[in-house]
């Protein structure tokens, strides 16, 4: 299964990548929403992990675009919150169709368990 990590912080992308590769997933990366959408167009994925506060194209716009153009893709939104706190951004992400939301700093075991649960549900379909 293919996963796309969209986050402007290279350290966060690398951390998530390490955990996902250990899970046997094929991982792609993008540093903003625009590049993430382009990456998905050239190599479609089943799951996107998307930060919400990024330059060029932020996460809320990216999630909206994925929901409109690629409704079959599952999305996990992540956010450290910026000036107004992560809860507000993550609530909007859920309203737009994010399957799961996580605050930064990430609880990696919880994120990995959510992805395992998602994989199990995909395999049982």
PDB file of N, CA and C in Angstrom:
ATOM      1  N   UNK A   1       0.833  -1.176   0.000  1.00  0.00           N
ATOM      2  CA  UNK A   1       0.000   0.000   0.000  1.00  0.00           C
ATOM      3  C   UNK A   1       0.881   1.244   0.000  1.00  0.00           C
ATOM      4  N   UNK A   2       0.381   2.278  -0.655  1.00  0.00           N
ATOM      5  CA  UNK A   2       1.143   3.512  -0.824  1.00  0.00           C
ATOM      6  C   UNK A   2       0.589   4.631   0.046  1.00  0.00           C
ATOM      7  N   UNK A   3       1.519   5.355   0.687  1.00  0.00           N
ATOM      8  CA  UNK A   3       1.161   6.465   1.565  1.00  0.00           C
ATOM      9  C   UNK A   3       1.953   7.695   1.133  1.00  0.00           C
ATOM     10  N   UNK A   4       1.287   8.842   1.145  1.00  0.00           N
ATOM     11  CA  UNK A   4       1.918  10.118   0.827  1.00  0.00           C
ATOM     12  C   UNK A   4       1.925  10.979   2.085  1.00  0.00           C
ATOM     13  N   UNK A   5       3.112  11.443   2.480  1.00  0.00           N
ATOM     14  CA  UNK A   5       3.258  12.346   3.619  1.00  0.00           C
ATOM     15  C   UNK A   5       3.444  13.752   3.063  1.00  0.00           C
ATOM     16  N   UNK A   6       2.549  14.657   3.451  1.00  0.00           N
ATOM     17  CA  UNK A   6       2.649  16.056   3.026  1.00  0.00           C
ATOM     18  C   UNK A   6       2.895  16.903   4.274  1.00  0.00           C
ATOM     19  N   UNK A   7       4.114  17.428   4.381  1.00  0.00           N
ATOM     20  CA  UNK A   7       4.478  18.249   5.537  1.00  0.00           C
ATOM     21  C   UNK A   7       5.672  19.097   5.143  1.00  0.00           C
ATOM     22  N   UNK A   8       5.662  20.358   5.536  1.00  0.00           N
ATOM     23  CA  UNK A   8       6.775  21.240   5.183  1.00  0.00           C
ATOM     24  C   UNK A   8       8.014  20.999   6.037  1.00  0.00           C
ATOM     25  N   UNK A   9       7.903  20.237   7.111  1.00  0.00           N
ATOM     26  CA  UNK A   9       9.032  19.945   7.986  1.00  0.00           C
ATOM     27  C   UNK A   9       9.667  18.608   7.581  1.00  0.00           C
ATOM     28  N   UNK A  10      10.866  18.671   7.022  1.00  0.00           N
ATOM     29  CA  UNK A  10      11.548  17.462   6.545  1.00  0.00           C
ATOM     30  C   UNK A  10      11.789  16.460   7.675  1.00  0.00           C
ATOM     31  N   UNK A  11      12.006  16.947   8.896  1.00  0.00           N
ATOM     32  CA  UNK A  11      12.235  16.032  10.025  1.00  0.00           C
ATOM     33  C   UNK A  11      10.978  15.228  10.347  1.00  0.00           C
ATOM     34  N   UNK A  12       9.828  15.884  10.279  1.00  0.00           N
ATOM     35  CA  UNK A  12       8.560  15.178  10.523  1.00  0.00           C
ATOM     36  C   UNK A  12       8.333  14.133   9.436  1.00  0.00           C
ATOM     37  N   UNK A  13       8.560  14.529   8.184  1.00  0.00           N
ATOM     38  CA  UNK A  13       8.393  13.569   7.075  1.00  0.00           C
ATOM     39  C   UNK A  13       9.302  12.359   7.270  1.00  0.00           C
ATOM     40  N   UNK A  14      10.545  12.591   7.658  1.00  0.00           N
ATOM     41  CA  UNK A  14      11.490  11.490   7.844  1.00  0.00           C
ATOM     42  C   UNK A  14      11.070  10.588   8.997  1.00  0.00           C
ATOM     43  N   UNK A  15      10.612  11.174  10.104  1.00  0.00           N
ATOM     44  CA  UNK A  15      10.150  10.381  11.241  1.00  0.00           C
ATOM     45  C   UNK A  15       8.987   9.482  10.836  1.00  0.00           C
ATOM     46  N   UNK A  16       7.988  10.067  10.199  1.00  0.00           N
ATOM     47  CA  UNK A  16       6.822   9.277   9.788  1.00  0.00           C
ATOM     48  C   UNK A  16       7.247   8.217   8.775  1.00  0.00           C
ATOM     49  N   UNK A  17       8.114   8.608   7.820  1.00  0.00           N
ATOM     50  CA  UNK A  17       8.593   7.660   6.804  1.00  0.00           C
ATOM     51  C   UNK A  17       9.234   6.434   7.462  1.00  0.00           C
ATOM     52  N   UNK A  18      10.105   6.664   8.447  1.00  0.00           N
ATOM     53  CA  UNK A  18      10.792   5.542   9.109  1.00  0.00           C
ATOM     54  C   UNK A  18       9.787   4.557   9.705  1.00  0.00           C
ATOM     55  N   UNK A  19       8.792   5.085  10.387  1.00  0.00           N
ATOM     56  CA  UNK A  19       7.785   4.223  11.014  1.00  0.00           C
ATOM     57  C   UNK A  19       6.971   3.476   9.957  1.00  0.00           C
ATOM     58  N   UNK A  20       6.590   4.156   8.883  1.00  0.00           N
ATOM     59  CA  UNK A  20       5.752   3.521   7.859  1.00  0.00           C
ATOM     60  C   UNK A  20       6.510   2.475   7.058  1.00  0.00           C
ATOM     61  N   UNK A  21       7.770   2.736   6.785  1.00  0.00           N
ATOM     62  CA  UNK A  21       8.578   1.746   6.060  1.00  0.00           C
ATOM     63  C   UNK A  21       8.699   0.472   6.892  1.00  0.00           C
ATOM     64  N   UNK A  22       8.845   0.625   8.205  1.00  0.00           N
ATOM     65  CA  UNK A  22       8.877  -0.547   9.099  1.00  0.00           C
ATOM     66  C   UNK A  22       7.584  -1.357   9.022  1.00  0.00           C
ATOM     67  N   UNK A  23       6.499  -0.675   8.693  1.00  0.00           N
ATOM     68  CA  UNK A  23       5.195  -1.340   8.557  1.00  0.00           C
ATOM     69  C   UNK A  23       5.023  -1.969   7.170  1.00  0.00           C
ATOM     70  N   UNK A  24       6.037  -1.826   6.323  1.00  0.00           N
ATOM     71  CA  UNK A  24       5.965  -2.427   4.991  1.00  0.00           C
ATOM     72  C   UNK A  24       5.214  -1.598   3.973  1.00  0.00           C
ATOM     73  N   UNK A  25       5.050  -0.301   4.240  1.00  0.00           N
ATOM     74  CA  UNK A  25       4.335   0.577   3.322  1.00  0.00           C
ATOM     75  C   UNK A  25       5.301   1.272   2.374  1.00  0.00           C
ATOM     76  N   UNK A  26       4.824   1.564   1.193  1.00  0.00           N
ATOM     77  CA  UNK A  26       5.590   2.345   0.227  1.00  0.00           C
ATOM     78  C   UNK A  26       5.268   3.812   0.495  1.00  0.00           C
ATOM     79  N   UNK A  27       6.288   4.631   0.713  1.00  0.00           N
ATOM     80  CA  UNK A  27       6.091   5.996   1.190  1.00  0.00           C
ATOM     81  C   UNK A  27       6.609   7.014   0.177  1.00  0.00           C
ATOM     82  N   UNK A  28       5.797   8.034  -0.057  1.00  0.00           N
ATOM     83  CA  UNK A  28       6.160   9.171  -0.895  1.00  0.00           C
ATOM     84  C   UNK A  28       6.046  10.418  -0.036  1.00  0.00           C
ATOM     85  N   UNK A  29       6.749  11.490  -0.437  1.00  0.00           N
ATOM     86  CA  UNK A  29       6.755  12.709   0.357  1.00  0.00           C
ATOM     87  C   UNK A  29       6.559  13.941  -0.518  1.00  0.00           C
ATOM     88  N   UNK A  30       5.994  14.976   0.100  1.00  0.00           N
ATOM     89  CA  UNK A  30       5.868  16.287  -0.542  1.00  0.00           C
ATOM     90  C   UNK A  30       5.940  17.342   0.554  1.00  0.00           C
ATOM     91  N   UNK A  31       6.528  18.516   0.210  1.00  0.00           N
ATOM     92  CA  UNK A  31       6.711  19.551   1.233  1.00  0.00           C
ATOM     93  C   UNK A  31       5.595  20.577   1.297  1.00  0.00           C
ATOM     94  N   UNK A  32       4.602  20.462   0.434  1.00  0.00           N
ATOM     95  CA  UNK A  32       3.418  21.321   0.536  1.00  0.00           C
ATOM     96  C   UNK A  32       2.264  20.671  -0.209  1.00  0.00           C
ATOM     97  N   UNK A  33       1.077  21.225  -0.030  1.00  0.00           N
ATOM     98  CA  UNK A  33      -0.113  20.633  -0.621  1.00  0.00           C
ATOM     99  C   UNK A  33      -0.095  20.575  -2.135  1.00  0.00           C
ATOM    100  N   UNK A  34       0.395  21.616  -2.762  1.00  0.00           N
ATOM    101  CA  UNK A  34       0.441  21.636  -4.226  1.00  0.00           C
ATOM    102  C   UNK A  34       1.300  20.492  -4.758  1.00  0.00           C
ATOM    103  N   UNK A  35       2.483  20.331  -4.163  1.00  0.00           N
ATOM    104  CA  UNK A  35       3.362  19.233  -4.589  1.00  0.00           C
ATOM    105  C   UNK A  35       2.769  17.876  -4.218  1.00  0.00           C
ATOM    106  N   UNK A  36       2.018  17.826  -3.130  1.00  0.00           N
ATOM    107  CA  UNK A  36       1.365  16.583  -2.735  1.00  0.00           C
ATOM    108  C   UNK A  36       0.322  16.146  -3.740  1.00  0.00           C
ATOM    109  N   UNK A  37      -0.493  17.082  -4.197  1.00  0.00           N
ATOM    110  CA  UNK A  37      -1.509  16.764  -5.212  1.00  0.00           C
ATOM    111  C   UNK A  37      -0.830  16.315  -6.494  1.00  0.00           C
ATOM    112  N   UNK A  38       0.238  17.010  -6.888  1.00  0.00           N
ATOM    113  CA  UNK A  38       0.986  16.627  -8.096  1.00  0.00           C
ATOM    114  C   UNK A  38       1.567  15.221  -7.940  1.00  0.00           C
ATOM    115  N   UNK A  39       2.114  14.925  -6.763  1.00  0.00           N
ATOM    116  CA  UNK A  39       2.689  13.597  -6.513  1.00  0.00           C
ATOM    117  C   UNK A  39       1.616  12.521  -6.633  1.00  0.00           C
ATOM    118  N   UNK A  40       0.430  12.797  -6.083  1.00  0.00           N
ATOM    119  CA  UNK A  40      -0.657  11.812  -6.171  1.00  0.00           C
ATOM    120  C   UNK A  40      -1.107  11.603  -7.619  1.00  0.00           C
ATOM    121  N   UNK A  41      -1.137  12.666  -8.398  1.00  0.00           N
ATOM    122  CA  UNK A  41      -1.526  12.532  -9.803  1.00  0.00           C
ATOM    123  C   UNK A  41      -0.544  11.645 -10.573  1.00  0.00           C
ATOM    124  N   UNK A  42       0.749  11.759 -10.254  1.00  0.00           N
ATOM    125  CA  UNK A  42       1.733  10.964 -10.986  1.00  0.00           C
ATOM    126  C   UNK A  42       1.887   9.548 -10.427  1.00  0.00           C
ATOM    127  N   UNK A  43       1.600   9.359  -9.148  1.00  0.00           N
ATOM    128  CA  UNK A  43       1.691   8.032  -8.528  1.00  0.00           C
ATOM    129  C   UNK A  43       0.633   7.941  -7.428  1.00  0.00           C
ATOM    130  N   UNK A  44      -0.582   7.512  -7.786  1.00  0.00           N
ATOM    131  CA  UNK A  44      -1.683   7.500  -6.813  1.00  0.00           C
ATOM    132  C   UNK A  44      -1.386   6.666  -5.564  1.00  0.00           C
ATOM    133  N   UNK A  45      -1.864   7.175  -4.436  1.00  0.00           N
ATOM    134  CA  UNK A  45      -1.707   6.513  -3.141  1.00  0.00           C
ATOM    135  C   UNK A  45      -3.083   6.215  -2.554  1.00  0.00           C
ATOM    136  N   UNK A  46      -3.098   5.362  -1.540  1.00  0.00           N
ATOM    137  CA  UNK A  46      -4.350   5.036  -0.848  1.00  0.00           C
ATOM    138  C   UNK A  46      -4.583   5.894   0.387  1.00  0.00           C
ATOM    139  N   UNK A  47      -3.488   6.425   0.952  1.00  0.00           N
ATOM    140  CA  UNK A  47      -3.572   7.182   2.203  1.00  0.00           C
ATOM    141  C   UNK A  47      -2.666   8.399   2.126  1.00  0.00           C
ATOM    142  N   UNK A  48      -3.177   9.537   2.596  1.00  0.00           N
ATOM    143  CA  UNK A  48      -2.403  10.767   2.683  1.00  0.00           C
ATOM    144  C   UNK A  48      -2.352  11.197   4.145  1.00  0.00           C
ATOM    145  N   UNK A  49      -1.146  11.513   4.608  1.00  0.00           N
ATOM    146  CA  UNK A  49      -0.960  12.115   5.929  1.00  0.00           C
ATOM    147  C   UNK A  49      -0.569  13.556   5.660  1.00  0.00           C
ATOM    148  N   UNK A  50      -1.429  14.490   6.048  1.00  0.00           N
ATOM    149  CA  UNK A  50      -1.278  15.879   5.622  1.00  0.00           C
ATOM    150  C   UNK A  50      -1.216  16.838   6.800  1.00  0.00           C
ATOM    151  N   UNK A  51      -0.126  17.601   6.860  1.00  0.00           N
ATOM    152  CA  UNK A  51      -0.019  18.690   7.822  1.00  0.00           C
ATOM    153  C   UNK A  51      -1.006  19.783   7.407  1.00  0.00           C
ATOM    154  N   UNK A  52      -1.411  20.595   8.341  1.00  0.00           N
ATOM    155  CA  UNK A  52      -2.389  21.633   8.019  1.00  0.00           C
ATOM    156  C   UNK A  52      -1.781  23.008   7.797  1.00  0.00           C
ATOM    157  N   UNK A  53      -0.676  23.310   8.463  1.00  0.00           N
ATOM    158  CA  UNK A  53      -0.086  24.637   8.324  1.00  0.00           C
ATOM    159  C   UNK A  53       1.219  24.506   7.543  1.00  0.00           C
ATOM    160  N   UNK A  54       1.151  24.931   6.275  1.00  0.00           N
ATOM    161  CA  UNK A  54       2.303  24.836   5.369  1.00  0.00           C
ATOM    162  C   UNK A  54       2.284  26.024   4.421  1.00  0.00           C
ATOM    163  N   UNK A  55       3.449  26.375   3.891  1.00  0.00           N
ATOM    164  CA  UNK A  55       3.483  27.419   2.858  1.00  0.00           C
ATOM    165  C   UNK A  55       2.989  26.874   1.517  1.00  0.00           C
ATOM    166  N   UNK A  56       2.788  27.750   0.578  1.00  0.00           N
ATOM    167  CA  UNK A  56       2.386  27.482  -0.809  1.00  0.00           C
ATOM    168  C   UNK A  56       0.933  27.038  -0.886  1.00  0.00           C
ATOM    169  N   UNK A  57       0.612  25.848  -0.357  1.00  0.00           N
ATOM    170  CA  UNK A  57      -0.779  25.385  -0.293  1.00  0.00           C
ATOM    171  C   UNK A  57      -0.940  24.646   1.023  1.00  0.00           C
ATOM    172  N   UNK A  58      -1.740  25.226   1.916  1.00  0.00           N
ATOM    173  CA  UNK A  58      -1.893  24.652   3.246  1.00  0.00           C
ATOM    174  C   UNK A  58      -2.805  23.427   3.231  1.00  0.00           C
ATOM    175  N   UNK A  59      -2.880  22.775   4.385  1.00  0.00           N
ATOM    176  CA  UNK A  59      -3.563  21.499   4.483  1.00  0.00           C
ATOM    177  C   UNK A  59      -5.063  21.518   4.285  1.00  0.00           C
ATOM    178  N   UNK A  60      -5.747  22.548   4.773  1.00  0.00           N
ATOM    179  CA  UNK A  60      -7.203  22.595   4.614  1.00  0.00           C
ATOM    180  C   UNK A  60      -7.560  22.646   3.121  1.00  0.00           C
ATOM    181  N   UNK A  61      -6.864  23.482   2.377  1.00  0.00           N
ATOM    182  CA  UNK A  61      -7.090  23.550   0.934  1.00  0.00           C
ATOM    183  C   UNK A  61      -6.739  22.218   0.261  1.00  0.00           C
ATOM    184  N   UNK A  62      -5.671  21.599   0.716  1.00  0.00           N
ATOM    185  CA  UNK A  62      -5.237  20.323   0.149  1.00  0.00           C
ATOM    186  C   UNK A  62      -6.267  19.227   0.412  1.00  0.00           C
ATOM    187  N   UNK A  63      -6.772  19.156   1.641  1.00  0.00           N
ATOM    188  CA  UNK A  63      -7.798  18.158   1.967  1.00  0.00           C
ATOM    189  C   UNK A  63      -9.039  18.389   1.117  1.00  0.00           C
ATOM    190  N   UNK A  64      -9.452  19.635   0.978  1.00  0.00           N
ATOM    191  CA  UNK A  64     -10.624  19.955   0.139  1.00  0.00           C
ATOM    192  C   UNK A  64     -10.397  19.488  -1.292  1.00  0.00           C
ATOM    193  N   UNK A  65      -9.210  19.730  -1.806  1.00  0.00           N
ATOM    194  CA  UNK A  65      -8.902  19.331  -3.176  1.00  0.00           C
ATOM    195  C   UNK A  65      -8.907  17.808  -3.317  1.00  0.00           C
ATOM    196  N   UNK A  66      -8.337  17.101  -2.358  1.00  0.00           N
ATOM    197  CA  UNK A  66      -8.366  15.639  -2.397  1.00  0.00           C
ATOM    198  C   UNK A  66      -9.796  15.119  -2.328  1.00  0.00           C
ATOM    199  N   UNK A  67     -10.618  15.696  -1.447  1.00  0.00           N
ATOM    200  CA  UNK A  67     -12.010  15.232  -1.331  1.00  0.00           C
ATOM    201  C   UNK A  67     -12.758  15.437  -2.650  1.00  0.00           C
ATOM    202  N   UNK A  68     -12.490  16.542  -3.317  1.00  0.00           N
ATOM    203  CA  UNK A  68     -13.172  16.855  -4.568  1.00  0.00           C
ATOM    204  C   UNK A  68     -12.667  15.993  -5.729  1.00  0.00           C
ATOM    205  N   UNK A  69     -11.344  15.879  -5.862  1.00  0.00           N
ATOM    206  CA  UNK A  69     -10.772  15.191  -7.016  1.00  0.00           C
ATOM    207  C   UNK A  69     -10.507  13.704  -6.792  1.00  0.00           C
ATOM    208  N   UNK A  70     -10.209  13.324  -5.566  1.00  0.00           N
ATOM    209  CA  UNK A  70      -9.832  11.939  -5.271  1.00  0.00           C
ATOM    210  C   UNK A  70     -10.558  11.450  -4.015  1.00  0.00           C
ATOM    211  N   UNK A  71     -11.877  11.338  -4.061  1.00  0.00           N
ATOM    212  CA  UNK A  71     -12.638  11.009  -2.845  1.00  0.00           C
ATOM    213  C   UNK A  71     -12.324   9.634  -2.258  1.00  0.00           C
ATOM    214  N   UNK A  72     -11.706   8.763  -3.035  1.00  0.00           N
ATOM    215  CA  UNK A  72     -11.385   7.420  -2.545  1.00  0.00           C
ATOM    216  C   UNK A  72     -10.161   7.391  -1.619  1.00  0.00           C
ATOM    217  N   UNK A  73      -9.386   8.459  -1.593  1.00  0.00           N
ATOM    218  CA  UNK A  73      -8.166   8.505  -0.786  1.00  0.00           C
ATOM    219  C   UNK A  73      -8.517   8.830   0.665  1.00  0.00           C
ATOM    220  N   UNK A  74      -7.987   8.042   1.582  1.00  0.00           N
ATOM    221  CA  UNK A  74      -8.161   8.332   3.003  1.00  0.00           C
ATOM    222  C   UNK A  74      -7.136   9.371   3.422  1.00  0.00           C
ATOM    223  N   UNK A  75      -7.527  10.237   4.352  1.00  0.00           N
ATOM    224  CA  UNK A  75      -6.657  11.320   4.783  1.00  0.00           C
ATOM    225  C   UNK A  75      -6.560  11.341   6.299  1.00  0.00           C
ATOM    226  N   UNK A  76      -5.319  11.448   6.773  1.00  0.00           N
ATOM    227  CA  UNK A  76      -5.044  11.708   8.183  1.00  0.00           C
ATOM    228  C   UNK A  76      -4.469  13.114   8.249  1.00  0.00           C
ATOM    229  N   UNK A  77      -5.097  13.977   9.033  1.00  0.00           N
ATOM    230  CA  UNK A  77      -4.612  15.353   9.205  1.00  0.00           C
ATOM    231  C   UNK A  77      -3.776  15.431  10.473  1.00  0.00           C
ATOM    232  N   UNK A  78      -2.667  16.182  10.390  1.00  0.00           N
ATOM    233  CA  UNK A  78      -1.810  16.400  11.552  1.00  0.00           C
ATOM    234  C   UNK A  78      -1.544  17.892  11.678  1.00  0.00           C
ATOM    235  N   UNK A  79      -1.433  18.363  12.931  1.00  0.00           N
ATOM    236  CA  UNK A  79      -1.180  19.790  13.108  1.00  0.00           C
ATOM    237  C   UNK A  79      -0.611  20.087  14.484  1.00  0.00           C
ATOM    238  N   UNK A  80       0.316  21.025  14.489  1.00  0.00           N
ATOM    239  CA  UNK A  80       0.829  21.574  15.741  1.00  0.00           C
ATOM    240  C   UNK A  80       0.040  22.791  16.162  1.00  0.00           C
ATOM    241  N   UNK A  81      -0.802  23.301  15.271  1.00  0.00           N
ATOM    242  CA  UNK A  81      -1.758  24.317  15.619  1.00  0.00           C
ATOM    243  C   UNK A  81      -1.455  25.750  15.301  1.00  0.00           C
ATOM    244  N   UNK A  82      -0.209  26.116  15.210  1.00  0.00           N
ATOM    245  CA  UNK A  82       0.059  27.513  14.910  1.00  0.00           C
ATOM    246  C   UNK A  82      -0.480  28.429  15.996  1.00  0.00           C
ATOM    247  N   UNK A  83      -0.923  29.620  15.598  1.00  0.00           N
ATOM    248  CA  UNK A  83      -1.321  30.650  16.560  1.00  0.00           C
ATOM    249  C   UNK A  83      -2.650  30.369  17.258  1.00  0.00           C
ATOM    250  N   UNK A  84      -3.572  29.677  16.599  1.00  0.00           N
ATOM    251  CA  UNK A  84      -4.889  29.471  17.225  1.00  0.00           C
ATOM    252  C   UNK A  84      -5.055  28.092  17.853  1.00  0.00           C
ATOM    253  N   UNK A  85      -4.045  27.256  17.806  1.00  0.00           N
ATOM    254  CA  UNK A  85      -4.129  25.934  18.409  1.00  0.00           C
ATOM    255  C   UNK A  85      -4.593  24.886  17.421  1.00  0.00           C
ATOM    256  N   UNK A  86      -4.157  23.656  17.635  1.00  0.00           N
ATOM    257  CA  UNK A  86      -4.427  22.588  16.677  1.00  0.00           C
ATOM    258  C   UNK A  86      -5.889  22.151  16.649  1.00  0.00           C
ATOM    259  N   UNK A  87      -6.611  22.269  17.761  1.00  0.00           N
ATOM    260  CA  UNK A  87      -7.985  21.757  17.810  1.00  0.00           C
ATOM    261  C   UNK A  87      -8.876  22.413  16.760  1.00  0.00           C
ATOM    262  N   UNK A  88      -8.752  23.713  16.564  1.00  0.00           N
ATOM    263  CA  UNK A  88      -9.577  24.411  15.580  1.00  0.00           C
ATOM    264  C   UNK A  88      -9.293  23.924  14.174  1.00  0.00           C
ATOM    265  N   UNK A  89      -8.016  23.835  13.822  1.00  0.00           N
ATOM    266  CA  UNK A  89      -7.644  23.371  12.493  1.00  0.00           C
ATOM    267  C   UNK A  89      -8.067  21.925  12.273  1.00  0.00           C
ATOM    268  N   UNK A  90      -7.839  21.081  13.266  1.00  0.00           N
ATOM    269  CA  UNK A  90      -8.167  19.663  13.124  1.00  0.00           C
ATOM    270  C   UNK A  90      -9.676  19.442  13.028  1.00  0.00           C
ATOM    271  N   UNK A  91     -10.457  20.251  13.738  1.00  0.00           N
ATOM    272  CA  UNK A  91     -11.920  20.143  13.632  1.00  0.00           C
ATOM    273  C   UNK A  91     -12.382  20.466  12.218  1.00  0.00           C
ATOM    274  N   UNK A  92     -11.798  21.482  11.605  1.00  0.00           N
ATOM    275  CA  UNK A  92     -12.136  21.825  10.225  1.00  0.00           C
ATOM    276  C   UNK A  92     -11.726  20.692   9.291  1.00  0.00           C
ATOM    277  N   UNK A  93     -10.547  20.120   9.528  1.00  0.00           N
ATOM    278  CA  UNK A  93     -10.078  19.005   8.698  1.00  0.00           C
ATOM    279  C   UNK A  93     -11.053  17.832   8.764  1.00  0.00           C
ATOM    280  N   UNK A  94     -11.566  17.535   9.960  1.00  0.00           N
ATOM    281  CA  UNK A  94     -12.553  16.456  10.096  1.00  0.00           C
ATOM    282  C   UNK A  94     -13.833  16.783   9.340  1.00  0.00           C
ATOM    283  N   UNK A  95     -14.279  18.019   9.440  1.00  0.00           N
ATOM    284  CA  UNK A  95     -15.493  18.424   8.720  1.00  0.00           C
ATOM    285  C   UNK A  95     -15.328  18.288   7.215  1.00  0.00           C
ATOM    286  N   UNK A  96     -14.107  18.479   6.733  1.00  0.00           N
ATOM    287  CA  UNK A  96     -13.831  18.369   5.300  1.00  0.00           C
ATOM    288  C   UNK A  96     -13.609  16.935   4.847  1.00  0.00           C
ATOM    289  N   UNK A  97     -13.543  16.007   5.802  1.00  0.00           N
ATOM    290  CA  UNK A  97     -13.437  14.612   5.420  1.00  0.00           C
ATOM    291  C   UNK A  97     -12.165  13.892   5.814  1.00  0.00           C
ATOM    292  N   UNK A  98     -11.347  14.491   6.682  1.00  0.00           N
ATOM    293  CA  UNK A  98     -10.181  13.751   7.176  1.00  0.00           C
ATOM    294  C   UNK A  98     -10.688  12.563   7.989  1.00  0.00           C
ATOM    295  N   UNK A  99     -10.110  11.413   7.742  1.00  0.00           N
ATOM    296  CA  UNK A  99     -10.535  10.180   8.406  1.00  0.00           C
ATOM    297  C   UNK A  99     -10.108  10.166   9.872  1.00  0.00           C
ATOM    298  N   UNK A 100      -8.893  10.624  10.146  1.00  0.00           N
ATOM    299  CA  UNK A 100      -8.356  10.708  11.507  1.00  0.00           C
ATOM    300  C   UNK A 100      -7.584  12.011  11.631  1.00  0.00           C
ATOM    301  N   UNK A 101      -7.433  12.491  12.851  1.00  0.00           N
ATOM    302  CA  UNK A 101      -6.638  13.689  13.106  1.00  0.00           C
ATOM    303  C   UNK A 101      -5.720  13.438  14.300  1.00  0.00           C
ATOM    304  N   UNK A 102      -4.518  14.011  14.223  1.00  0.00           N
ATOM    305  CA  UNK A 102      -3.534  13.884  15.294  1.00  0.00           C
ATOM    306  C   UNK A 102      -2.852  15.223  15.512  1.00  0.00           C
ATOM    307  N   UNK A 103      -2.576  15.530  16.781  1.00  0.00           N
ATOM    308  CA  UNK A 103      -1.839  16.750  17.098  1.00  0.00           C
ATOM    309  C   UNK A 103      -0.341  16.447  17.106  1.00  0.00           C
ATOM    310  N   UNK A 104       0.434  17.493  16.833  1.00  0.00           N
ATOM    311  CA  UNK A 104       1.886  17.409  16.980  1.00  0.00           C
ATOM    312  C   UNK A 104       2.240  17.955  18.360  1.00  0.00           C
ATOM    313  N   UNK A 105       3.240  17.423  19.028  1.00  0.00           N
ATOM    314  CA  UNK A 105       4.075  16.328  18.562  1.00  0.00           C
ATOM    315  C   UNK A 105       3.267  15.041  18.446  1.00  0.00           C
ATOM    316  N   UNK A 106       3.604  14.276  17.426  1.00  0.00           N
ATOM    317  CA  UNK A 106       2.833  13.079  17.108  1.00  0.00           C
ATOM    318  C   UNK A 106       3.059  11.969  18.128  1.00  0.00           C
ATOM    319  N   UNK A 107       1.976  11.291  18.453  1.00  0.00           N
ATOM    320  CA  UNK A 107       2.034  10.053  19.225  1.00  0.00           C
ATOM    321  C   UNK A 107       2.154   8.947  18.176  1.00  0.00           C
ATOM    322  N   UNK A 108       3.402   8.601  17.836  1.00  0.00           N
ATOM    323  CA  UNK A 108       3.626   7.673  16.721  1.00  0.00           C
ATOM    324  C   UNK A 108       2.966   6.308  16.920  1.00  0.00           C
ATOM    325  N   UNK A 109       3.014   5.703  18.110  1.00  0.00           N
ATOM    326  CA  UNK A 109       2.316   4.421  18.251  1.00  0.00           C
ATOM    327  C   UNK A 109       0.812   4.524  17.938  1.00  0.00           C
ATOM    328  N   UNK A 110       0.171   5.619  18.331  1.00  0.00           N
ATOM    329  CA  UNK A 110      -1.254   5.793  18.032  1.00  0.00           C
ATOM    330  C   UNK A 110      -1.480   5.985  16.536  1.00  0.00           C
ATOM    331  N   UNK A 111      -0.613   6.756  15.892  1.00  0.00           N
ATOM    332  CA  UNK A 111      -0.710   6.954  14.443  1.00  0.00           C
ATOM    333  C   UNK A 111      -0.539   5.624  13.726  1.00  0.00           C
ATOM    334  N   UNK A 112       0.458   4.853  14.120  1.00  0.00           N
ATOM    335  CA  UNK A 112       0.702   3.555  13.476  1.00  0.00           C
ATOM    336  C   UNK A 112      -0.465   2.610  13.713  1.00  0.00           C
ATOM    337  N   UNK A 113      -1.044   2.627  14.907  1.00  0.00           N
ATOM    338  CA  UNK A 113      -2.197   1.750  15.172  1.00  0.00           C
ATOM    339  C   UNK A 113      -3.381   2.138  14.290  1.00  0.00           C
ATOM    340  N   UNK A 114      -3.603   3.428  14.100  1.00  0.00           N
ATOM    341  CA  UNK A 114      -4.686   3.869  13.214  1.00  0.00           C
ATOM    342  C   UNK A 114      -4.440   3.372  11.792  1.00  0.00           C
ATOM    343  N   UNK A 115      -3.195   3.424  11.347  1.00  0.00           N
ATOM    344  CA  UNK A 115      -2.870   2.959   9.995  1.00  0.00           C
ATOM    345  C   UNK A 115      -3.034   1.443   9.905  1.00  0.00           C
ATOM    346  N   UNK A 116      -2.645   0.718  10.944  1.00  0.00           N
ATOM    347  CA  UNK A 116      -2.874  -0.739  10.962  1.00  0.00           C
ATOM    348  C   UNK A 116      -4.358  -1.055  10.876  1.00  0.00           C
ATOM    349  N   UNK A 117      -5.162  -0.341  11.654  1.00  0.00           N
ATOM    350  CA  UNK A 117      -6.615  -0.548  11.614  1.00  0.00           C
ATOM    351  C   UNK A 117      -7.159  -0.267  10.219  1.00  0.00           C
ATOM    352  N   UNK A 118      -6.680   0.805   9.602  1.00  0.00           N
ATOM    353  CA  UNK A 118      -7.097   1.157   8.244  1.00  0.00           C
ATOM    354  C   UNK A 118      -6.738   0.043   7.269  1.00  0.00           C
ATOM    355  N   UNK A 119      -5.510  -0.480   7.372  1.00  0.00           N
ATOM    356  CA  UNK A 119      -5.081  -1.573   6.479  1.00  0.00           C
ATOM    357  C   UNK A 119      -5.945  -2.792   6.656  1.00  0.00           C
ATOM    358  N   UNK A 120      -6.268  -3.137   7.915  1.00  0.00           N
ATOM    359  CA  UNK A 120      -7.148  -4.284   8.163  1.00  0.00           C
ATOM    360  C   UNK A 120      -8.514  -4.087   7.537  1.00  0.00           C
ATOM    361  N   UNK A 121      -9.060  -2.883   7.654  1.00  0.00           N
ATOM    362  CA  UNK A 121     -10.378  -2.628   7.075  1.00  0.00           C
ATOM    363  C   UNK A 121     -10.318  -2.689   5.547  1.00  0.00           C
ATOM    364  N   UNK A 122      -9.203  -2.244   4.954  1.00  0.00           N
ATOM    365  CA  UNK A 122      -9.043  -2.309   3.497  1.00  0.00           C
ATOM    366  C   UNK A 122      -8.936  -3.764   3.028  1.00  0.00           C
ATOM    367  N   UNK A 123      -8.244  -4.585   3.821  1.00  0.00           N
ATOM    368  CA  UNK A 123      -8.061  -6.003   3.451  1.00  0.00           C
ATOM    369  C   UNK A 123      -9.326  -6.812   3.616  1.00  0.00           C
ATOM    370  N   UNK A 124     -10.247  -6.341   4.469  1.00  0.00           N
ATOM    371  CA  UNK A 124     -11.487  -7.085   4.682  1.00  0.00           C
ATOM    372  C   UNK A 124     -12.588  -6.683   3.708  1.00  0.00           C
ATOM    373  N   UNK A 125     -12.353  -5.604   2.927  1.00  0.00           N
ATOM    374  CA  UNK A 125     -13.360  -5.162   1.945  1.00  0.00           C
ATOM    375  C   UNK A 125     -13.490  -6.136   0.790  1.00  0.00           C
TER     376      UNK A 125
END
